[in-house]
Amino acid sequence: MKIVAGLGNPGPAYDATRHNVGWWVLDRICHSWGFGGFRKDGAAMAAAGERGGAEVLLLKPLSYMNRSGPALRPFLGAEGFDPAADLLVVVDDAALDVGRVRFRPAGSDGGHNGLASVVATLGSEAFARLRVGVGRPPPEWDLVDWVLAPMDTEDEDRVIELLPTLAEGVELWIREGIGPVMNRFNR
């Protein structure tokens, strides 16, 4: 089984924020792949189906971003599940310009509290991640306020335009692993 976890914050107040871009990606994938919508499953919203020759579980933790890891724990214990090969975590990244994306096979949390929580839960940095650029805050903005604020229309449109491409990238990850995805989709 492959697990794709999109990190975000629960509640309508956060739906349009930069920090919820991971949820945007999963919502698009769920719809495009015909997975039938998300249902509450423990501390996450989950949707499942088959894609790229594998069973796929899409997860949106219902805890706040900095507590995402424990919400994933119940789903990570399946027999034969190897986070290094079978887990992709999708997050926003304020260090990347809007419209830029980075698939990575592993690495540090880079100061992202959601990734830090997943790393702490797994006890390892060895899992793939997709970082979606949401742009750097202007000098007068605090980083936390920036990621918790809605995007302006132009930036939001750029991210929304990327969603079909990101769904293709996630499917390629499922079929062929992280190497081919990095070569084809990182920009």
N, C-alpha and C. Protein backbone atom coordinates (compact mmCIF):
# COMPACT_ATOMS: atom_id res chain seq x y z
N MET A 1 0.83 -1.18 0.00
CA MET A 1 0.00 0.00 0.00
C MET A 1 0.88 1.24 0.00
N LYS A 2 0.44 2.25 -0.74
CA LYS A 2 1.09 3.56 -0.76
C LYS A 2 0.20 4.52 0.01
N ILE A 3 0.83 5.35 0.85
CA ILE A 3 0.10 6.38 1.59
C ILE A 3 0.60 7.74 1.14
N VAL A 4 -0.35 8.60 0.77
CA VAL A 4 -0.06 9.99 0.43
C VAL A 4 -0.76 10.83 1.49
N ALA A 5 0.02 11.54 2.29
CA ALA A 5 -0.53 12.36 3.37
C ALA A 5 -0.35 13.83 3.03
N GLY A 6 -1.44 14.55 2.97
CA GLY A 6 -1.40 15.99 2.76
C GLY A 6 -1.59 16.68 4.09
N LEU A 7 -0.65 17.54 4.45
CA LEU A 7 -0.73 18.21 5.75
C LEU A 7 -1.43 19.55 5.62
N GLY A 8 -2.18 19.89 6.65
CA GLY A 8 -2.91 21.15 6.70
C GLY A 8 -3.49 21.34 8.09
N ASN A 9 -4.36 22.32 8.20
CA ASN A 9 -5.05 22.60 9.46
C ASN A 9 -6.54 22.39 9.26
N PRO A 10 -7.23 21.81 10.24
CA PRO A 10 -8.66 21.57 10.10
C PRO A 10 -9.48 22.84 10.29
N GLY A 11 -10.64 22.84 9.69
CA GLY A 11 -11.60 23.92 9.89
C GLY A 11 -11.66 24.88 8.72
N PRO A 12 -12.85 25.43 8.47
CA PRO A 12 -13.05 26.32 7.33
C PRO A 12 -12.19 27.58 7.36
N ALA A 13 -11.78 28.02 8.53
CA ALA A 13 -10.95 29.23 8.62
C ALA A 13 -9.60 29.04 7.93
N TYR A 14 -9.18 27.78 7.75
CA TYR A 14 -7.86 27.50 7.17
C TYR A 14 -7.92 27.00 5.73
N ASP A 15 -9.11 26.76 5.21
CA ASP A 15 -9.24 26.14 3.89
C ASP A 15 -8.41 26.84 2.80
N ALA A 16 -8.44 28.15 2.75
CA ALA A 16 -7.80 28.89 1.66
C ALA A 16 -6.38 29.35 2.01
N THR A 17 -5.83 28.88 3.12
CA THR A 17 -4.52 29.36 3.54
C THR A 17 -3.38 28.62 2.85
N ARG A 18 -2.23 29.25 2.83
CA ARG A 18 -1.03 28.64 2.25
C ARG A 18 -0.69 27.31 2.93
N HIS A 19 -0.92 27.26 4.23
CA HIS A 19 -0.56 26.06 5.00
C HIS A 19 -1.40 24.85 4.60
N ASN A 20 -2.52 25.05 3.91
CA ASN A 20 -3.39 23.94 3.55
C ASN A 20 -3.20 23.47 2.11
N VAL A 21 -2.14 23.88 1.47
CA VAL A 21 -1.88 23.47 0.09
C VAL A 21 -1.78 21.94 -0.01
N GLY A 22 -1.27 21.28 1.01
CA GLY A 22 -1.21 19.81 1.00
C GLY A 22 -2.60 19.20 0.88
N TRP A 23 -3.58 19.81 1.53
CA TRP A 23 -4.96 19.33 1.42
C TRP A 23 -5.51 19.60 0.02
N TRP A 24 -5.13 20.75 -0.58
CA TRP A 24 -5.60 21.06 -1.93
C TRP A 24 -5.15 19.96 -2.90
N VAL A 25 -3.89 19.56 -2.76
CA VAL A 25 -3.34 18.53 -3.65
C VAL A 25 -4.13 17.22 -3.47
N LEU A 26 -4.37 16.81 -2.24
CA LEU A 26 -5.10 15.56 -2.01
C LEU A 26 -6.54 15.64 -2.48
N ASP A 27 -7.18 16.79 -2.30
CA ASP A 27 -8.55 16.94 -2.78
C ASP A 27 -8.61 16.76 -4.30
N ARG A 28 -7.64 17.34 -4.99
CA ARG A 28 -7.60 17.20 -6.45
C ARG A 28 -7.36 15.74 -6.86
N ILE A 29 -6.42 15.10 -6.19
CA ILE A 29 -6.12 13.70 -6.51
C ILE A 29 -7.36 12.83 -6.26
N CYS A 30 -7.99 13.00 -5.13
CA CYS A 30 -9.17 12.20 -4.78
C CYS A 30 -10.25 12.35 -5.85
N HIS A 31 -10.48 13.56 -6.28
CA HIS A 31 -11.50 13.82 -7.30
C HIS A 31 -11.07 13.25 -8.65
N SER A 32 -9.84 13.56 -9.07
CA SER A 32 -9.36 13.14 -10.39
C SER A 32 -9.29 11.62 -10.52
N TRP A 33 -8.95 10.95 -9.44
CA TRP A 33 -8.79 9.50 -9.48
C TRP A 33 -10.07 8.75 -9.15
N GLY A 34 -11.14 9.48 -8.87
CA GLY A 34 -12.42 8.84 -8.60
C GLY A 34 -12.46 8.04 -7.32
N PHE A 35 -11.79 8.52 -6.29
CA PHE A 35 -11.74 7.80 -5.02
C PHE A 35 -13.00 7.98 -4.17
N GLY A 36 -13.94 8.81 -4.62
CA GLY A 36 -15.23 8.88 -3.96
C GLY A 36 -15.34 9.77 -2.75
N GLY A 37 -14.35 10.54 -2.45
CA GLY A 37 -14.44 11.47 -1.33
C GLY A 37 -13.79 10.95 -0.06
N PHE A 38 -13.56 11.87 0.84
CA PHE A 38 -12.91 11.57 2.12
C PHE A 38 -13.94 11.26 3.18
N ARG A 39 -13.57 10.32 4.07
CA ARG A 39 -14.39 9.99 5.23
C ARG A 39 -13.50 10.02 6.47
N LYS A 40 -14.11 10.38 7.59
CA LYS A 40 -13.36 10.41 8.84
C LYS A 40 -12.94 9.00 9.22
N ASP A 41 -11.67 8.86 9.53
CA ASP A 41 -11.11 7.57 9.98
C ASP A 41 -10.13 7.89 11.10
N GLY A 42 -10.57 7.75 12.33
CA GLY A 42 -9.73 8.11 13.46
C GLY A 42 -9.45 9.60 13.46
N ALA A 43 -8.18 9.95 13.52
CA ALA A 43 -7.76 11.36 13.58
C ALA A 43 -7.41 11.91 12.21
N ALA A 44 -7.98 11.33 11.16
CA ALA A 44 -7.69 11.79 9.80
C ALA A 44 -8.93 11.63 8.93
N MET A 45 -8.91 12.32 7.81
CA MET A 45 -9.86 12.09 6.74
C MET A 45 -9.13 11.18 5.75
N ALA A 46 -9.80 10.14 5.28
CA ALA A 46 -9.15 9.16 4.42
C ALA A 46 -10.00 8.87 3.18
N ALA A 47 -9.30 8.60 2.09
CA ALA A 47 -9.92 8.14 0.85
C ALA A 47 -9.00 7.07 0.29
N ALA A 48 -9.58 6.03 -0.28
CA ALA A 48 -8.76 4.92 -0.76
C ALA A 48 -9.23 4.48 -2.14
N GLY A 49 -8.29 3.89 -2.85
CA GLY A 49 -8.58 3.34 -4.17
C GLY A 49 -7.33 2.71 -4.74
N GLU A 50 -7.39 2.43 -6.02
CA GLU A 50 -6.24 1.85 -6.70
C GLU A 50 -5.76 2.80 -7.77
N ARG A 51 -4.45 2.91 -7.87
CA ARG A 51 -3.85 3.77 -8.89
C ARG A 51 -2.45 3.29 -9.16
N GLY A 52 -2.05 3.31 -10.41
CA GLY A 52 -0.68 2.93 -10.76
C GLY A 52 -0.33 1.53 -10.34
N GLY A 53 -1.32 0.63 -10.27
CA GLY A 53 -1.07 -0.75 -9.90
C GLY A 53 -0.92 -0.99 -8.42
N ALA A 54 -1.30 -0.03 -7.59
CA ALA A 54 -1.15 -0.19 -6.14
C ALA A 54 -2.40 0.30 -5.42
N GLU A 55 -2.62 -0.26 -4.24
CA GLU A 55 -3.63 0.28 -3.34
C GLU A 55 -3.07 1.59 -2.78
N VAL A 56 -3.90 2.63 -2.78
CA VAL A 56 -3.46 3.96 -2.35
C VAL A 56 -4.40 4.47 -1.28
N LEU A 57 -3.83 5.00 -0.22
CA LEU A 57 -4.59 5.63 0.85
C LEU A 57 -4.19 7.10 0.90
N LEU A 58 -5.17 7.98 0.72
CA LEU A 58 -4.96 9.42 0.85
C LEU A 58 -5.39 9.83 2.25
N LEU A 59 -4.53 10.55 2.95
CA LEU A 59 -4.82 10.95 4.33
C LEU A 59 -4.65 12.44 4.53
N LYS A 60 -5.61 13.03 5.23
CA LYS A 60 -5.52 14.42 5.68
C LYS A 60 -5.69 14.41 7.20
N PRO A 61 -4.58 14.53 7.95
CA PRO A 61 -4.70 14.54 9.41
C PRO A 61 -5.63 15.66 9.86
N LEU A 62 -6.46 15.38 10.85
CA LEU A 62 -7.39 16.37 11.37
C LEU A 62 -6.83 17.13 12.57
N SER A 63 -5.60 16.84 12.93
CA SER A 63 -4.94 17.60 13.98
C SER A 63 -4.32 18.84 13.34
N TYR A 64 -3.90 19.78 14.15
CA TYR A 64 -3.22 20.94 13.58
C TYR A 64 -1.86 20.53 13.05
N MET A 65 -1.35 21.35 12.14
CA MET A 65 -0.13 21.03 11.38
C MET A 65 0.98 20.48 12.26
N ASN A 66 1.27 21.13 13.37
CA ASN A 66 2.42 20.73 14.19
C ASN A 66 2.18 19.43 14.97
N ARG A 67 1.00 18.83 14.80
CA ARG A 67 0.70 17.53 15.43
C ARG A 67 0.26 16.50 14.39
N SER A 68 0.69 16.66 13.18
CA SER A 68 0.27 15.78 12.08
C SER A 68 0.76 14.35 12.25
N GLY A 69 1.97 14.17 12.73
CA GLY A 69 2.57 12.84 12.83
C GLY A 69 1.75 11.84 13.60
N PRO A 70 1.36 12.13 14.85
CA PRO A 70 0.58 11.15 15.60
C PRO A 70 -0.74 10.78 14.93
N ALA A 71 -1.34 11.69 14.17
CA ALA A 71 -2.59 11.36 13.48
C ALA A 71 -2.36 10.33 12.37
N LEU A 72 -1.13 10.24 11.87
CA LEU A 72 -0.81 9.27 10.81
C LEU A 72 -0.45 7.89 11.37
N ARG A 73 0.01 7.86 12.62
CA ARG A 73 0.55 6.62 13.20
C ARG A 73 -0.31 5.38 12.96
N PRO A 74 -1.63 5.41 13.18
CA PRO A 74 -2.42 4.18 13.00
C PRO A 74 -2.40 3.63 11.58
N PHE A 75 -2.08 4.45 10.60
CA PHE A 75 -2.11 4.02 9.21
C PHE A 75 -0.76 3.51 8.72
N LEU A 76 0.27 3.70 9.51
CA LEU A 76 1.62 3.39 9.06
C LEU A 76 2.09 1.99 9.46
N GLY A 77 1.25 1.25 10.17
CA GLY A 77 1.69 -0.05 10.69
C GLY A 77 1.28 -1.25 9.85
N ALA A 78 0.80 -1.03 8.64
CA ALA A 78 0.37 -2.16 7.81
C ALA A 78 1.55 -3.08 7.52
N GLU A 79 1.25 -4.36 7.44
CA GLU A 79 2.30 -5.36 7.16
C GLU A 79 3.00 -5.02 5.85
N GLY A 80 4.31 -4.99 5.89
CA GLY A 80 5.11 -4.72 4.71
C GLY A 80 5.25 -3.25 4.36
N PHE A 81 4.62 -2.37 5.14
CA PHE A 81 4.70 -0.94 4.86
C PHE A 81 6.09 -0.42 5.21
N ASP A 82 6.73 0.23 4.26
CA ASP A 82 8.06 0.81 4.45
C ASP A 82 7.97 2.30 4.14
N PRO A 83 8.02 3.16 5.16
CA PRO A 83 7.87 4.60 4.91
C PRO A 83 8.83 5.14 3.84
N ALA A 84 10.03 4.60 3.76
CA ALA A 84 11.00 5.09 2.78
C ALA A 84 10.52 4.87 1.35
N ALA A 85 9.72 3.85 1.13
CA ALA A 85 9.24 3.54 -0.22
C ALA A 85 7.75 3.81 -0.40
N ASP A 86 6.99 3.83 0.70
CA ASP A 86 5.53 3.81 0.59
C ASP A 86 4.82 5.04 1.14
N LEU A 87 5.55 6.03 1.63
CA LEU A 87 4.92 7.23 2.20
C LEU A 87 5.39 8.47 1.45
N LEU A 88 4.43 9.28 1.03
CA LEU A 88 4.71 10.59 0.43
C LEU A 88 3.92 11.62 1.24
N VAL A 89 4.61 12.63 1.77
CA VAL A 89 3.98 13.68 2.56
C VAL A 89 4.00 14.97 1.73
N VAL A 90 2.83 15.59 1.58
CA VAL A 90 2.67 16.80 0.77
C VAL A 90 2.49 17.99 1.69
N VAL A 91 3.36 19.00 1.53
CA VAL A 91 3.32 20.18 2.40
C VAL A 91 3.55 21.46 1.60
N ASP A 92 3.18 22.56 2.22
CA ASP A 92 3.51 23.89 1.70
C ASP A 92 4.97 24.18 2.00
N ASP A 93 5.58 25.08 1.22
CA ASP A 93 6.96 25.46 1.49
C ASP A 93 7.13 26.95 1.19
N ALA A 94 7.33 27.74 2.24
CA ALA A 94 7.50 29.18 2.09
C ALA A 94 8.89 29.56 1.60
N ALA A 95 9.80 28.60 1.50
CA ALA A 95 11.13 28.87 0.96
C ALA A 95 11.15 28.75 -0.56
N LEU A 96 10.08 28.22 -1.13
CA LEU A 96 9.97 28.08 -2.59
C LEU A 96 8.99 29.11 -3.14
N ASP A 97 9.34 29.68 -4.28
CA ASP A 97 8.43 30.61 -4.93
C ASP A 97 7.13 29.90 -5.30
N VAL A 98 6.06 30.66 -5.38
CA VAL A 98 4.78 30.11 -5.80
C VAL A 98 4.95 29.52 -7.20
N GLY A 99 4.47 28.30 -7.37
CA GLY A 99 4.57 27.62 -8.65
C GLY A 99 5.76 26.68 -8.76
N ARG A 100 6.66 26.72 -7.80
CA ARG A 100 7.79 25.79 -7.80
C ARG A 100 7.44 24.60 -6.93
N VAL A 101 7.93 23.43 -7.30
CA VAL A 101 7.68 22.22 -6.52
C VAL A 101 8.97 21.43 -6.39
N ARG A 102 9.07 20.68 -5.29
CA ARG A 102 10.22 19.82 -5.05
C ARG A 102 9.76 18.50 -4.48
N PHE A 103 9.98 17.45 -5.25
CA PHE A 103 9.85 16.10 -4.72
C PHE A 103 11.22 15.74 -4.16
N ARG A 104 11.25 15.13 -2.99
CA ARG A 104 12.50 14.71 -2.36
C ARG A 104 12.32 13.31 -1.76
N PRO A 105 13.40 12.50 -1.76
CA PRO A 105 13.29 11.15 -1.22
C PRO A 105 13.35 11.10 0.30
N ALA A 106 13.91 12.12 0.92
CA ALA A 106 14.11 12.16 2.38
C ALA A 106 14.70 13.52 2.71
N GLY A 107 15.07 13.70 3.96
CA GLY A 107 15.75 14.93 4.35
C GLY A 107 15.20 15.52 5.62
N SER A 108 15.75 16.65 5.98
CA SER A 108 15.35 17.30 7.23
C SER A 108 13.96 17.92 7.06
N ASP A 109 13.42 18.37 8.18
CA ASP A 109 12.11 19.02 8.13
C ASP A 109 12.21 20.43 7.57
N GLY A 110 13.41 20.99 7.49
CA GLY A 110 13.59 22.33 6.93
C GLY A 110 12.85 23.41 7.69
N GLY A 111 12.57 23.16 8.97
CA GLY A 111 11.86 24.15 9.77
C GLY A 111 10.34 24.05 9.64
N HIS A 112 9.85 23.07 8.90
CA HIS A 112 8.40 22.90 8.72
C HIS A 112 7.88 22.05 9.88
N ASN A 113 7.01 22.62 10.70
CA ASN A 113 6.54 21.92 11.89
C ASN A 113 5.74 20.66 11.59
N GLY A 114 5.02 20.63 10.49
CA GLY A 114 4.29 19.43 10.12
C GLY A 114 5.24 18.29 9.78
N LEU A 115 6.27 18.58 8.99
CA LEU A 115 7.27 17.56 8.67
C LEU A 115 8.01 17.13 9.93
N ALA A 116 8.31 18.08 10.82
CA ALA A 116 8.99 17.74 12.08
C ALA A 116 8.16 16.75 12.89
N SER A 117 6.85 16.94 12.89
CA SER A 117 5.97 16.04 13.63
C SER A 117 5.97 14.64 13.00
N VAL A 118 5.97 14.56 11.67
CA VAL A 118 6.01 13.26 11.00
C VAL A 118 7.35 12.57 11.27
N VAL A 119 8.44 13.33 11.20
CA VAL A 119 9.77 12.78 11.49
C VAL A 119 9.80 12.23 12.92
N ALA A 120 9.27 12.99 13.86
CA ALA A 120 9.27 12.55 15.26
C ALA A 120 8.45 11.27 15.44
N THR A 121 7.33 11.18 14.76
CA THR A 121 6.48 9.99 14.86
C THR A 121 7.17 8.76 14.26
N LEU A 122 7.78 8.94 13.10
CA LEU A 122 8.45 7.81 12.43
C LEU A 122 9.80 7.48 13.05
N GLY A 123 10.42 8.48 13.69
CA GLY A 123 11.77 8.30 14.18
C GLY A 123 12.78 8.24 13.04
N SER A 124 12.41 8.83 11.91
CA SER A 124 13.25 8.78 10.73
C SER A 124 12.88 9.91 9.77
N GLU A 125 13.87 10.37 9.02
CA GLU A 125 13.63 11.34 7.95
C GLU A 125 13.49 10.65 6.60
N ALA A 126 13.50 9.32 6.59
CA ALA A 126 13.50 8.53 5.36
C ALA A 126 12.08 8.29 4.86
N PHE A 127 11.49 9.32 4.28
CA PHE A 127 10.21 9.21 3.60
C PHE A 127 10.16 10.32 2.56
N ALA A 128 9.46 10.07 1.46
CA ALA A 128 9.37 11.05 0.38
C ALA A 128 8.47 12.20 0.78
N ARG A 129 8.78 13.35 0.20
CA ARG A 129 7.93 14.50 0.43
C ARG A 129 7.80 15.31 -0.84
N LEU A 130 6.68 15.97 -0.96
CA LEU A 130 6.41 16.90 -2.05
C LEU A 130 6.20 18.26 -1.40
N ARG A 131 7.11 19.18 -1.71
CA ARG A 131 7.01 20.54 -1.19
C ARG A 131 6.45 21.43 -2.29
N VAL A 132 5.37 22.14 -1.97
CA VAL A 132 4.71 23.01 -2.94
C VAL A 132 4.97 24.46 -2.51
N GLY A 133 5.59 25.22 -3.39
CA GLY A 133 5.95 26.60 -3.07
C GLY A 133 4.74 27.49 -2.86
N VAL A 134 4.78 28.24 -1.75
CA VAL A 134 3.74 29.23 -1.46
C VAL A 134 4.33 30.63 -1.35
N GLY A 135 5.63 30.77 -1.62
CA GLY A 135 6.27 32.07 -1.62
C GLY A 135 6.74 32.51 -0.25
N ARG A 136 7.75 33.35 -0.29
CA ARG A 136 8.31 33.91 0.94
C ARG A 136 7.46 35.07 1.42
N PRO A 137 7.38 35.24 2.73
CA PRO A 137 6.61 36.39 3.22
C PRO A 137 7.34 37.70 2.94
N PRO A 138 6.59 38.75 2.67
CA PRO A 138 7.23 40.07 2.56
C PRO A 138 7.88 40.42 3.90
N PRO A 139 8.85 41.34 3.90
CA PRO A 139 9.58 41.66 5.13
C PRO A 139 8.71 42.05 6.31
N GLU A 140 7.57 42.64 6.03
CA GLU A 140 6.70 43.10 7.13
C GLU A 140 5.83 41.98 7.70
N TRP A 141 5.90 40.78 7.13
CA TRP A 141 5.08 39.66 7.58
C TRP A 141 5.89 38.69 8.41
N ASP A 142 5.29 38.18 9.46
CA ASP A 142 5.83 37.06 10.22
C ASP A 142 5.51 35.78 9.44
N LEU A 143 6.42 34.81 9.46
CA LEU A 143 6.22 33.57 8.70
C LEU A 143 4.92 32.86 9.09
N VAL A 144 4.64 32.76 10.39
CA VAL A 144 3.42 32.07 10.83
C VAL A 144 2.18 32.78 10.29
N ASP A 145 2.15 34.10 10.39
CA ASP A 145 1.00 34.84 9.86
C ASP A 145 0.87 34.64 8.36
N TRP A 146 2.00 34.57 7.66
CA TRP A 146 2.01 34.40 6.21
C TRP A 146 1.37 33.06 5.80
N VAL A 147 1.83 31.98 6.40
CA VAL A 147 1.30 30.67 5.98
C VAL A 147 -0.13 30.44 6.44
N LEU A 148 -0.57 31.17 7.46
CA LEU A 148 -1.94 31.03 7.94
C LEU A 148 -2.90 32.03 7.29
N ALA A 149 -2.39 32.82 6.34
CA ALA A 149 -3.22 33.78 5.62
C ALA A 149 -3.62 33.20 4.26
N PRO A 150 -4.79 33.59 3.78
CA PRO A 150 -5.18 33.15 2.43
C PRO A 150 -4.23 33.73 1.38
N MET A 151 -4.08 33.00 0.31
CA MET A 151 -3.26 33.47 -0.80
C MET A 151 -4.00 34.57 -1.55
N ASP A 152 -3.24 35.46 -2.20
CA ASP A 152 -3.91 36.39 -3.09
C ASP A 152 -4.36 35.61 -4.33
N THR A 153 -5.25 36.17 -5.10
CA THR A 153 -5.87 35.46 -6.22
C THR A 153 -4.85 34.96 -7.23
N GLU A 154 -3.87 35.78 -7.56
CA GLU A 154 -2.87 35.38 -8.56
C GLU A 154 -2.07 34.16 -8.09
N ASP A 155 -1.61 34.18 -6.84
CA ASP A 155 -0.86 33.05 -6.30
C ASP A 155 -1.73 31.80 -6.21
N GLU A 156 -2.95 31.98 -5.74
CA GLU A 156 -3.86 30.83 -5.64
C GLU A 156 -4.09 30.20 -7.01
N ASP A 157 -4.29 31.03 -8.02
CA ASP A 157 -4.49 30.52 -9.38
C ASP A 157 -3.28 29.74 -9.86
N ARG A 158 -2.08 30.20 -9.54
CA ARG A 158 -0.87 29.49 -9.96
C ARG A 158 -0.80 28.10 -9.32
N VAL A 159 -1.14 28.02 -8.04
CA VAL A 159 -1.12 26.72 -7.37
C VAL A 159 -2.22 25.81 -7.93
N ILE A 160 -3.40 26.35 -8.13
CA ILE A 160 -4.50 25.54 -8.66
C ILE A 160 -4.15 25.01 -10.05
N GLU A 161 -3.48 25.81 -10.86
CA GLU A 161 -3.06 25.35 -12.19
C GLU A 161 -2.07 24.19 -12.10
N LEU A 162 -1.31 24.13 -11.02
CA LEU A 162 -0.33 23.05 -10.82
C LEU A 162 -0.96 21.72 -10.41
N LEU A 163 -2.15 21.74 -9.86
CA LEU A 163 -2.72 20.55 -9.24
C LEU A 163 -2.81 19.35 -10.18
N PRO A 164 -3.24 19.49 -11.44
CA PRO A 164 -3.24 18.31 -12.31
C PRO A 164 -1.83 17.75 -12.53
N THR A 165 -0.85 18.61 -12.66
CA THR A 165 0.54 18.17 -12.83
C THR A 165 1.02 17.44 -11.58
N LEU A 166 0.67 17.95 -10.41
CA LEU A 166 1.09 17.29 -9.17
C LEU A 166 0.42 15.93 -9.02
N ALA A 167 -0.82 15.81 -9.47
CA ALA A 167 -1.49 14.50 -9.44
C ALA A 167 -0.74 13.52 -10.35
N GLU A 168 -0.27 13.98 -11.50
CA GLU A 168 0.54 13.13 -12.38
C GLU A 168 1.82 12.70 -11.68
N GLY A 169 2.45 13.66 -10.99
CA GLY A 169 3.69 13.36 -10.27
C GLY A 169 3.49 12.33 -9.18
N VAL A 170 2.40 12.45 -8.45
CA VAL A 170 2.11 11.48 -7.39
C VAL A 170 1.86 10.10 -7.99
N GLU A 171 1.16 10.06 -9.11
CA GLU A 171 0.93 8.76 -9.75
C GLU A 171 2.25 8.14 -10.22
N LEU A 172 3.14 8.95 -10.77
CA LEU A 172 4.44 8.43 -11.19
C LEU A 172 5.22 7.92 -9.98
N TRP A 173 5.15 8.63 -8.85
CA TRP A 173 5.79 8.15 -7.61
C TRP A 173 5.25 6.77 -7.24
N ILE A 174 3.95 6.59 -7.34
CA ILE A 174 3.34 5.30 -7.01
C ILE A 174 3.89 4.20 -7.92
N ARG A 175 3.97 4.48 -9.20
CA ARG A 175 4.38 3.47 -10.18
C ARG A 175 5.88 3.21 -10.20
N GLU A 176 6.71 4.29 -10.10
CA GLU A 176 8.13 4.15 -10.37
C GLU A 176 9.06 4.62 -9.26
N GLY A 177 8.52 5.24 -8.22
CA GLY A 177 9.37 5.71 -7.14
C GLY A 177 9.78 7.17 -7.30
N ILE A 178 10.55 7.64 -6.36
CA ILE A 178 10.85 9.06 -6.26
C ILE A 178 11.84 9.56 -7.31
N GLY A 179 12.80 8.73 -7.73
CA GLY A 179 13.82 9.19 -8.69
C GLY A 179 13.23 9.72 -9.98
N PRO A 180 12.42 8.95 -10.69
CA PRO A 180 11.83 9.46 -11.93
C PRO A 180 10.98 10.71 -11.72
N VAL A 181 10.29 10.78 -10.57
CA VAL A 181 9.44 11.93 -10.29
C VAL A 181 10.30 13.18 -10.14
N MET A 182 11.39 13.08 -9.41
CA MET A 182 12.28 14.25 -9.23
C MET A 182 12.80 14.73 -10.59
N ASN A 183 13.22 13.79 -11.41
CA ASN A 183 13.77 14.15 -12.72
C ASN A 183 12.75 14.85 -13.61
N ARG A 184 11.52 14.45 -13.50
CA ARG A 184 10.51 14.99 -14.41
C ARG A 184 9.76 16.22 -13.88
N PHE A 185 9.53 16.28 -12.56
CA PHE A 185 8.61 17.30 -12.05
C PHE A 185 9.25 18.42 -11.24
N ASN A 186 10.44 18.25 -10.71
CA ASN A 186 11.02 19.33 -9.92
C ASN A 186 11.26 20.55 -10.81
N ARG A 187 10.82 21.71 -10.32
CA ARG A 187 11.03 22.95 -11.06
C ARG A 187 11.42 24.05 -10.11
